[in-house]
Amino acid sequence: MSLISFSLIFTGVLLNALAQLLLKAGVNAVGAFSFSAENVIPIGLRLASQWPILGGLACYVISVVVWILGLSRVDVSVAYPMLSLGYVVNAAAAWWLFGEAVTLERALGIGVILVGVYIVARSA
């Protein structure tokens, strides 16, 4: 895989991971809620007015464009497993930003993901 191809794929992965983190930050700002017929619109409006959520949605849009550029250069059977790197990025960022736990089981799973991505990347 060329440097440009890898850069496009990895940028798409990072933008997707950033989108998830921004969505989480936006939901955290709103706080816990439950859906019912009465609060769908008020909660929906509160969520839609959160800048982190809007930023997350924008990151998704940009990531799709970057991803399409990457797919034009890389086989989907190689590119798609690279999305798994988003799990690694998100686990580290969620631990750092939100104080989420990275247990031994999660760390082992992340290790398996990294090994799998490495094996797939070498096959390209």
N, C-alpha and C. Protein backbone atom coordinates (compact mmCIF):
# COMPACT_ATOMS: atom_id res chain seq x y z
N MET A 1 0.85 -1.17 0.00
CA MET A 1 0.00 0.00 0.00
C MET A 1 0.90 1.23 0.00
N SER A 2 0.61 2.16 -0.88
CA SER A 2 1.42 3.37 -0.97
C SER A 2 1.14 4.28 0.21
N LEU A 3 2.04 5.23 0.40
CA LEU A 3 1.89 6.18 1.50
C LEU A 3 0.60 7.01 1.34
N ILE A 4 0.29 7.42 0.12
CA ILE A 4 -0.92 8.21 -0.11
C ILE A 4 -2.16 7.38 0.19
N SER A 5 -2.18 6.14 -0.27
CA SER A 5 -3.32 5.26 -0.02
C SER A 5 -3.50 5.05 1.48
N PHE A 6 -2.41 4.73 2.17
CA PHE A 6 -2.48 4.52 3.61
C PHE A 6 -2.94 5.80 4.31
N SER A 7 -2.43 6.94 3.88
CA SER A 7 -2.79 8.22 4.49
C SER A 7 -4.29 8.49 4.35
N LEU A 8 -4.84 8.22 3.18
CA LEU A 8 -6.27 8.43 2.97
C LEU A 8 -7.09 7.50 3.86
N ILE A 9 -6.72 6.22 3.88
CA ILE A 9 -7.45 5.26 4.69
C ILE A 9 -7.36 5.63 6.17
N PHE A 10 -6.15 5.94 6.64
CA PHE A 10 -5.96 6.25 8.05
C PHE A 10 -6.64 7.57 8.43
N THR A 11 -6.64 8.54 7.54
CA THR A 11 -7.34 9.80 7.80
C THR A 11 -8.83 9.55 7.92
N GLY A 12 -9.38 8.71 7.06
CA GLY A 12 -10.79 8.33 7.17
C GLY A 12 -11.10 7.67 8.49
N VAL A 13 -10.21 6.78 8.94
CA VAL A 13 -10.38 6.11 10.23
C VAL A 13 -10.34 7.12 11.37
N LEU A 14 -9.37 8.03 11.32
CA LEU A 14 -9.26 9.04 12.40
C LEU A 14 -10.45 9.97 12.44
N LEU A 15 -10.94 10.38 11.28
CA LEU A 15 -12.13 11.25 11.25
C LEU A 15 -13.35 10.52 11.80
N ASN A 16 -13.47 9.24 11.47
CA ASN A 16 -14.57 8.44 11.98
C ASN A 16 -14.47 8.32 13.51
N ALA A 17 -13.26 8.08 14.01
CA ALA A 17 -13.05 7.98 15.46
C ALA A 17 -13.35 9.32 16.14
N LEU A 18 -12.90 10.41 15.54
CA LEU A 18 -13.18 11.74 16.09
C LEU A 18 -14.68 12.00 16.13
N ALA A 19 -15.38 11.57 15.09
CA ALA A 19 -16.83 11.74 15.07
C ALA A 19 -17.47 11.05 16.27
N GLN A 20 -17.05 9.82 16.57
CA GLN A 20 -17.59 9.09 17.71
C GLN A 20 -17.32 9.82 19.02
N LEU A 21 -16.11 10.33 19.16
CA LEU A 21 -15.75 11.04 20.39
C LEU A 21 -16.55 12.32 20.55
N LEU A 22 -16.76 13.04 19.46
CA LEU A 22 -17.56 14.26 19.52
C LEU A 22 -19.02 13.95 19.84
N LEU A 23 -19.55 12.88 19.26
CA LEU A 23 -20.93 12.49 19.58
C LEU A 23 -21.06 12.16 21.07
N LYS A 24 -20.08 11.45 21.59
CA LYS A 24 -20.10 11.10 23.02
C LYS A 24 -20.04 12.36 23.88
N ALA A 25 -19.19 13.30 23.51
CA ALA A 25 -19.10 14.56 24.26
C ALA A 25 -20.42 15.31 24.22
N GLY A 26 -21.07 15.32 23.07
CA GLY A 26 -22.36 15.99 22.95
C GLY A 26 -23.44 15.34 23.80
N VAL A 27 -23.47 14.02 23.78
CA VAL A 27 -24.45 13.29 24.59
C VAL A 27 -24.15 13.51 26.07
N ASN A 28 -22.89 13.52 26.45
CA ASN A 28 -22.53 13.79 27.84
C ASN A 28 -23.01 15.16 28.28
N ALA A 29 -22.95 16.14 27.39
CA ALA A 29 -23.39 17.49 27.73
C ALA A 29 -24.89 17.53 27.98
N VAL A 30 -25.64 16.72 27.26
CA VAL A 30 -27.09 16.68 27.45
C VAL A 30 -27.44 15.91 28.72
N GLY A 31 -26.68 14.86 29.01
CA GLY A 31 -26.94 14.05 30.20
C GLY A 31 -27.82 12.86 29.87
N ALA A 32 -28.00 12.02 30.86
CA ALA A 32 -28.80 10.81 30.67
C ALA A 32 -30.25 11.18 30.38
N PHE A 33 -30.86 10.43 29.50
CA PHE A 33 -32.26 10.67 29.16
C PHE A 33 -32.88 9.35 28.70
N SER A 34 -34.19 9.30 28.74
CA SER A 34 -34.90 8.15 28.20
C SER A 34 -35.87 8.66 27.15
N PHE A 35 -36.12 7.82 26.18
CA PHE A 35 -37.04 8.22 25.12
C PHE A 35 -38.47 7.84 25.49
N SER A 36 -39.35 8.75 25.22
CA SER A 36 -40.78 8.49 25.32
C SER A 36 -41.44 9.36 24.26
N ALA A 37 -42.68 9.12 24.02
CA ALA A 37 -43.38 9.90 23.00
C ALA A 37 -43.35 11.39 23.32
N GLU A 38 -43.36 11.71 24.62
CA GLU A 38 -43.42 13.12 25.02
C GLU A 38 -42.08 13.84 24.87
N ASN A 39 -40.99 13.11 24.99
CA ASN A 39 -39.70 13.83 24.99
C ASN A 39 -38.85 13.60 23.75
N VAL A 40 -39.36 12.92 22.74
CA VAL A 40 -38.57 12.69 21.53
C VAL A 40 -38.17 14.02 20.89
N ILE A 41 -39.10 14.92 20.74
CA ILE A 41 -38.79 16.20 20.09
C ILE A 41 -37.91 17.08 20.98
N PRO A 42 -38.23 17.26 22.28
CA PRO A 42 -37.34 18.09 23.11
C PRO A 42 -35.91 17.53 23.20
N ILE A 43 -35.79 16.23 23.39
CA ILE A 43 -34.44 15.64 23.47
C ILE A 43 -33.75 15.73 22.12
N GLY A 44 -34.49 15.47 21.06
CA GLY A 44 -33.92 15.58 19.71
C GLY A 44 -33.39 16.98 19.43
N LEU A 45 -34.13 17.99 19.84
CA LEU A 45 -33.69 19.37 19.64
C LEU A 45 -32.47 19.69 20.49
N ARG A 46 -32.46 19.18 21.73
CA ARG A 46 -31.29 19.41 22.60
C ARG A 46 -30.05 18.76 21.99
N LEU A 47 -30.21 17.54 21.50
CA LEU A 47 -29.07 16.85 20.88
C LEU A 47 -28.62 17.57 19.61
N ALA A 48 -29.58 17.98 18.80
CA ALA A 48 -29.25 18.64 17.53
C ALA A 48 -28.61 20.00 17.72
N SER A 49 -28.75 20.59 18.91
CA SER A 49 -28.18 21.91 19.15
C SER A 49 -26.81 21.84 19.83
N GLN A 50 -26.30 20.66 20.06
CA GLN A 50 -24.98 20.50 20.69
C GLN A 50 -23.89 20.61 19.64
N TRP A 51 -22.98 21.54 19.85
CA TRP A 51 -21.88 21.73 18.88
C TRP A 51 -21.03 20.48 18.70
N PRO A 52 -20.73 19.73 19.77
CA PRO A 52 -19.95 18.51 19.53
C PRO A 52 -20.68 17.51 18.63
N ILE A 53 -21.98 17.42 18.75
CA ILE A 53 -22.74 16.50 17.90
C ILE A 53 -22.71 16.98 16.46
N LEU A 54 -22.89 18.27 16.26
CA LEU A 54 -22.82 18.82 14.89
C LEU A 54 -21.42 18.62 14.31
N GLY A 55 -20.40 18.81 15.14
CA GLY A 55 -19.03 18.58 14.68
C GLY A 55 -18.79 17.11 14.35
N GLY A 56 -19.35 16.22 15.16
CA GLY A 56 -19.22 14.79 14.89
C GLY A 56 -19.87 14.41 13.57
N LEU A 57 -21.04 14.95 13.31
CA LEU A 57 -21.71 14.67 12.04
C LEU A 57 -20.91 15.23 10.86
N ALA A 58 -20.32 16.39 11.04
CA ALA A 58 -19.46 16.96 9.97
C ALA A 58 -18.25 16.06 9.73
N CYS A 59 -17.66 15.54 10.81
CA CYS A 59 -16.52 14.62 10.66
C CYS A 59 -16.93 13.38 9.89
N TYR A 60 -18.14 12.88 10.15
CA TYR A 60 -18.62 11.72 9.40
C TYR A 60 -18.70 12.02 7.90
N VAL A 61 -19.25 13.17 7.57
CA VAL A 61 -19.39 13.54 6.16
C VAL A 61 -18.02 13.61 5.49
N ILE A 62 -17.09 14.29 6.15
CA ILE A 62 -15.74 14.42 5.58
C ILE A 62 -15.06 13.05 5.50
N SER A 63 -15.28 12.22 6.52
CA SER A 63 -14.64 10.90 6.51
C SER A 63 -15.15 10.05 5.36
N VAL A 64 -16.41 10.19 5.00
CA VAL A 64 -16.94 9.44 3.86
C VAL A 64 -16.25 9.86 2.56
N VAL A 65 -16.05 11.15 2.39
CA VAL A 65 -15.36 11.63 1.19
C VAL A 65 -13.93 11.10 1.14
N VAL A 66 -13.23 11.20 2.26
CA VAL A 66 -11.85 10.71 2.32
C VAL A 66 -11.82 9.20 2.12
N TRP A 67 -12.77 8.50 2.70
CA TRP A 67 -12.85 7.05 2.57
C TRP A 67 -13.05 6.64 1.11
N ILE A 68 -13.91 7.35 0.41
CA ILE A 68 -14.14 7.06 -1.01
C ILE A 68 -12.85 7.25 -1.80
N LEU A 69 -12.12 8.30 -1.50
CA LEU A 69 -10.82 8.50 -2.16
C LEU A 69 -9.88 7.34 -1.86
N GLY A 70 -9.87 6.89 -0.62
CA GLY A 70 -9.03 5.75 -0.26
C GLY A 70 -9.45 4.48 -0.96
N LEU A 71 -10.76 4.24 -1.02
CA LEU A 71 -11.26 3.03 -1.69
C LEU A 71 -10.96 3.02 -3.19
N SER A 72 -10.78 4.19 -3.75
CA SER A 72 -10.44 4.24 -5.18
C SER A 72 -9.02 3.76 -5.44
N ARG A 73 -8.23 3.62 -4.36
CA ARG A 73 -6.83 3.23 -4.50
C ARG A 73 -6.49 1.89 -3.84
N VAL A 74 -7.38 1.40 -2.96
CA VAL A 74 -7.08 0.21 -2.16
C VAL A 74 -8.24 -0.78 -2.28
N ASP A 75 -7.92 -2.07 -2.33
CA ASP A 75 -8.97 -3.09 -2.33
C ASP A 75 -9.80 -2.96 -1.06
N VAL A 76 -11.10 -3.14 -1.19
CA VAL A 76 -11.97 -3.04 -0.02
C VAL A 76 -11.64 -4.13 1.00
N SER A 77 -11.13 -5.26 0.54
CA SER A 77 -10.77 -6.34 1.47
C SER A 77 -9.55 -5.99 2.31
N VAL A 78 -8.83 -4.97 1.91
CA VAL A 78 -7.71 -4.46 2.70
C VAL A 78 -8.14 -3.22 3.49
N ALA A 79 -8.89 -2.34 2.84
CA ALA A 79 -9.28 -1.07 3.47
C ALA A 79 -10.25 -1.29 4.64
N TYR A 80 -11.25 -2.14 4.44
CA TYR A 80 -12.28 -2.28 5.47
C TYR A 80 -11.74 -2.76 6.81
N PRO A 81 -10.84 -3.74 6.84
CA PRO A 81 -10.29 -4.12 8.15
C PRO A 81 -9.53 -2.98 8.84
N MET A 82 -9.04 -2.02 8.06
CA MET A 82 -8.33 -0.89 8.66
C MET A 82 -9.26 -0.04 9.54
N LEU A 83 -10.57 -0.13 9.28
CA LEU A 83 -11.52 0.59 10.15
C LEU A 83 -11.40 0.13 11.59
N SER A 84 -10.91 -1.08 11.80
CA SER A 84 -10.74 -1.59 13.15
C SER A 84 -9.77 -0.75 13.97
N LEU A 85 -8.90 -0.02 13.30
CA LEU A 85 -7.99 0.86 14.03
C LEU A 85 -8.77 1.93 14.80
N GLY A 86 -9.98 2.22 14.34
CA GLY A 86 -10.82 3.17 15.06
C GLY A 86 -11.13 2.71 16.47
N TYR A 87 -11.25 1.38 16.67
CA TYR A 87 -11.47 0.85 18.02
C TYR A 87 -10.29 1.17 18.91
N VAL A 88 -9.11 1.04 18.36
CA VAL A 88 -7.89 1.29 19.13
C VAL A 88 -7.81 2.77 19.51
N VAL A 89 -8.01 3.64 18.52
CA VAL A 89 -7.95 5.08 18.75
C VAL A 89 -9.02 5.49 19.76
N ASN A 90 -10.24 4.99 19.57
CA ASN A 90 -11.33 5.38 20.47
C ASN A 90 -11.14 4.88 21.89
N ALA A 91 -10.61 3.68 22.03
CA ALA A 91 -10.38 3.17 23.39
C ALA A 91 -9.37 4.04 24.13
N ALA A 92 -8.30 4.40 23.45
CA ALA A 92 -7.27 5.25 24.08
C ALA A 92 -7.83 6.64 24.37
N ALA A 93 -8.53 7.22 23.41
CA ALA A 93 -9.06 8.57 23.59
C ALA A 93 -10.17 8.59 24.65
N ALA A 94 -11.02 7.57 24.68
CA ALA A 94 -12.10 7.52 25.68
C ALA A 94 -11.51 7.37 27.08
N TRP A 95 -10.43 6.62 27.20
CA TRP A 95 -9.76 6.49 28.50
C TRP A 95 -9.21 7.86 28.92
N TRP A 96 -8.55 8.55 27.99
CA TRP A 96 -7.91 9.82 28.28
C TRP A 96 -8.93 10.94 28.50
N LEU A 97 -9.92 11.05 27.61
CA LEU A 97 -10.86 12.17 27.66
C LEU A 97 -12.02 11.97 28.62
N PHE A 98 -12.55 10.73 28.68
CA PHE A 98 -13.77 10.48 29.44
C PHE A 98 -13.55 9.61 30.67
N GLY A 99 -12.31 9.17 30.88
CA GLY A 99 -12.03 8.34 32.05
C GLY A 99 -12.61 6.93 31.95
N GLU A 100 -12.87 6.46 30.74
CA GLU A 100 -13.42 5.12 30.57
C GLU A 100 -12.33 4.08 30.85
N ALA A 101 -12.75 2.96 31.38
CA ALA A 101 -11.81 1.91 31.76
C ALA A 101 -11.30 1.14 30.55
N VAL A 102 -10.02 0.84 30.56
CA VAL A 102 -9.44 -0.09 29.59
C VAL A 102 -8.98 -1.30 30.41
N THR A 103 -9.86 -2.27 30.50
CA THR A 103 -9.59 -3.46 31.31
C THR A 103 -8.61 -4.38 30.57
N LEU A 104 -8.18 -5.40 31.25
CA LEU A 104 -7.27 -6.38 30.65
C LEU A 104 -7.92 -7.01 29.41
N GLU A 105 -9.20 -7.35 29.52
CA GLU A 105 -9.89 -7.96 28.37
C GLU A 105 -9.92 -7.00 27.18
N ARG A 106 -10.20 -5.74 27.44
CA ARG A 106 -10.23 -4.74 26.35
C ARG A 106 -8.83 -4.57 25.75
N ALA A 107 -7.82 -4.53 26.61
CA ALA A 107 -6.45 -4.38 26.11
C ALA A 107 -6.05 -5.58 25.25
N LEU A 108 -6.44 -6.78 25.67
CA LEU A 108 -6.15 -7.97 24.86
C LEU A 108 -6.88 -7.91 23.52
N GLY A 109 -8.13 -7.48 23.54
CA GLY A 109 -8.89 -7.34 22.30
C GLY A 109 -8.25 -6.33 21.37
N ILE A 110 -7.78 -5.23 21.93
CA ILE A 110 -7.10 -4.21 21.13
C ILE A 110 -5.82 -4.80 20.52
N GLY A 111 -5.12 -5.60 21.29
CA GLY A 111 -3.92 -6.26 20.77
C GLY A 111 -4.25 -7.18 19.61
N VAL A 112 -5.33 -7.94 19.72
CA VAL A 112 -5.75 -8.83 18.63
C VAL A 112 -6.09 -8.01 17.38
N ILE A 113 -6.78 -6.90 17.58
CA ILE A 113 -7.11 -6.03 16.45
C ILE A 113 -5.85 -5.54 15.76
N LEU A 114 -4.87 -5.08 16.54
CA LEU A 114 -3.63 -4.58 15.95
C LEU A 114 -2.89 -5.66 15.17
N VAL A 115 -2.85 -6.85 15.72
CA VAL A 115 -2.20 -7.96 15.00
C VAL A 115 -2.95 -8.25 13.70
N GLY A 116 -4.26 -8.29 13.76
CA GLY A 116 -5.06 -8.56 12.57
C GLY A 116 -4.87 -7.50 11.50
N VAL A 117 -4.89 -6.25 11.89
CA VAL A 117 -4.69 -5.16 10.92
C VAL A 117 -3.29 -5.25 10.31
N TYR A 118 -2.31 -5.56 11.13
CA TYR A 118 -0.94 -5.70 10.62
C TYR A 118 -0.85 -6.82 9.57
N ILE A 119 -1.48 -7.94 9.85
CA ILE A 119 -1.44 -9.07 8.92
C ILE A 119 -2.15 -8.69 7.60
N VAL A 120 -3.31 -8.05 7.70
CA VAL A 120 -4.03 -7.64 6.49
C VAL A 120 -3.23 -6.61 5.70
N ALA A 121 -2.63 -5.64 6.38
CA ALA A 121 -1.86 -4.59 5.70
C ALA A 121 -0.65 -5.17 4.97
N ARG A 122 -0.02 -6.17 5.57
CA ARG A 122 1.15 -6.80 4.92
C ARG A 122 0.75 -7.57 3.67
N SER A 123 -0.49 -8.00 3.60
CA SER A 123 -0.94 -8.79 2.45
C SER A 123 -1.19 -7.92 1.23
N ALA A 124 -1.26 -6.62 1.43
CA ALA A 124 -1.60 -5.72 0.33
C ALA A 124 -0.43 -5.50 -0.61
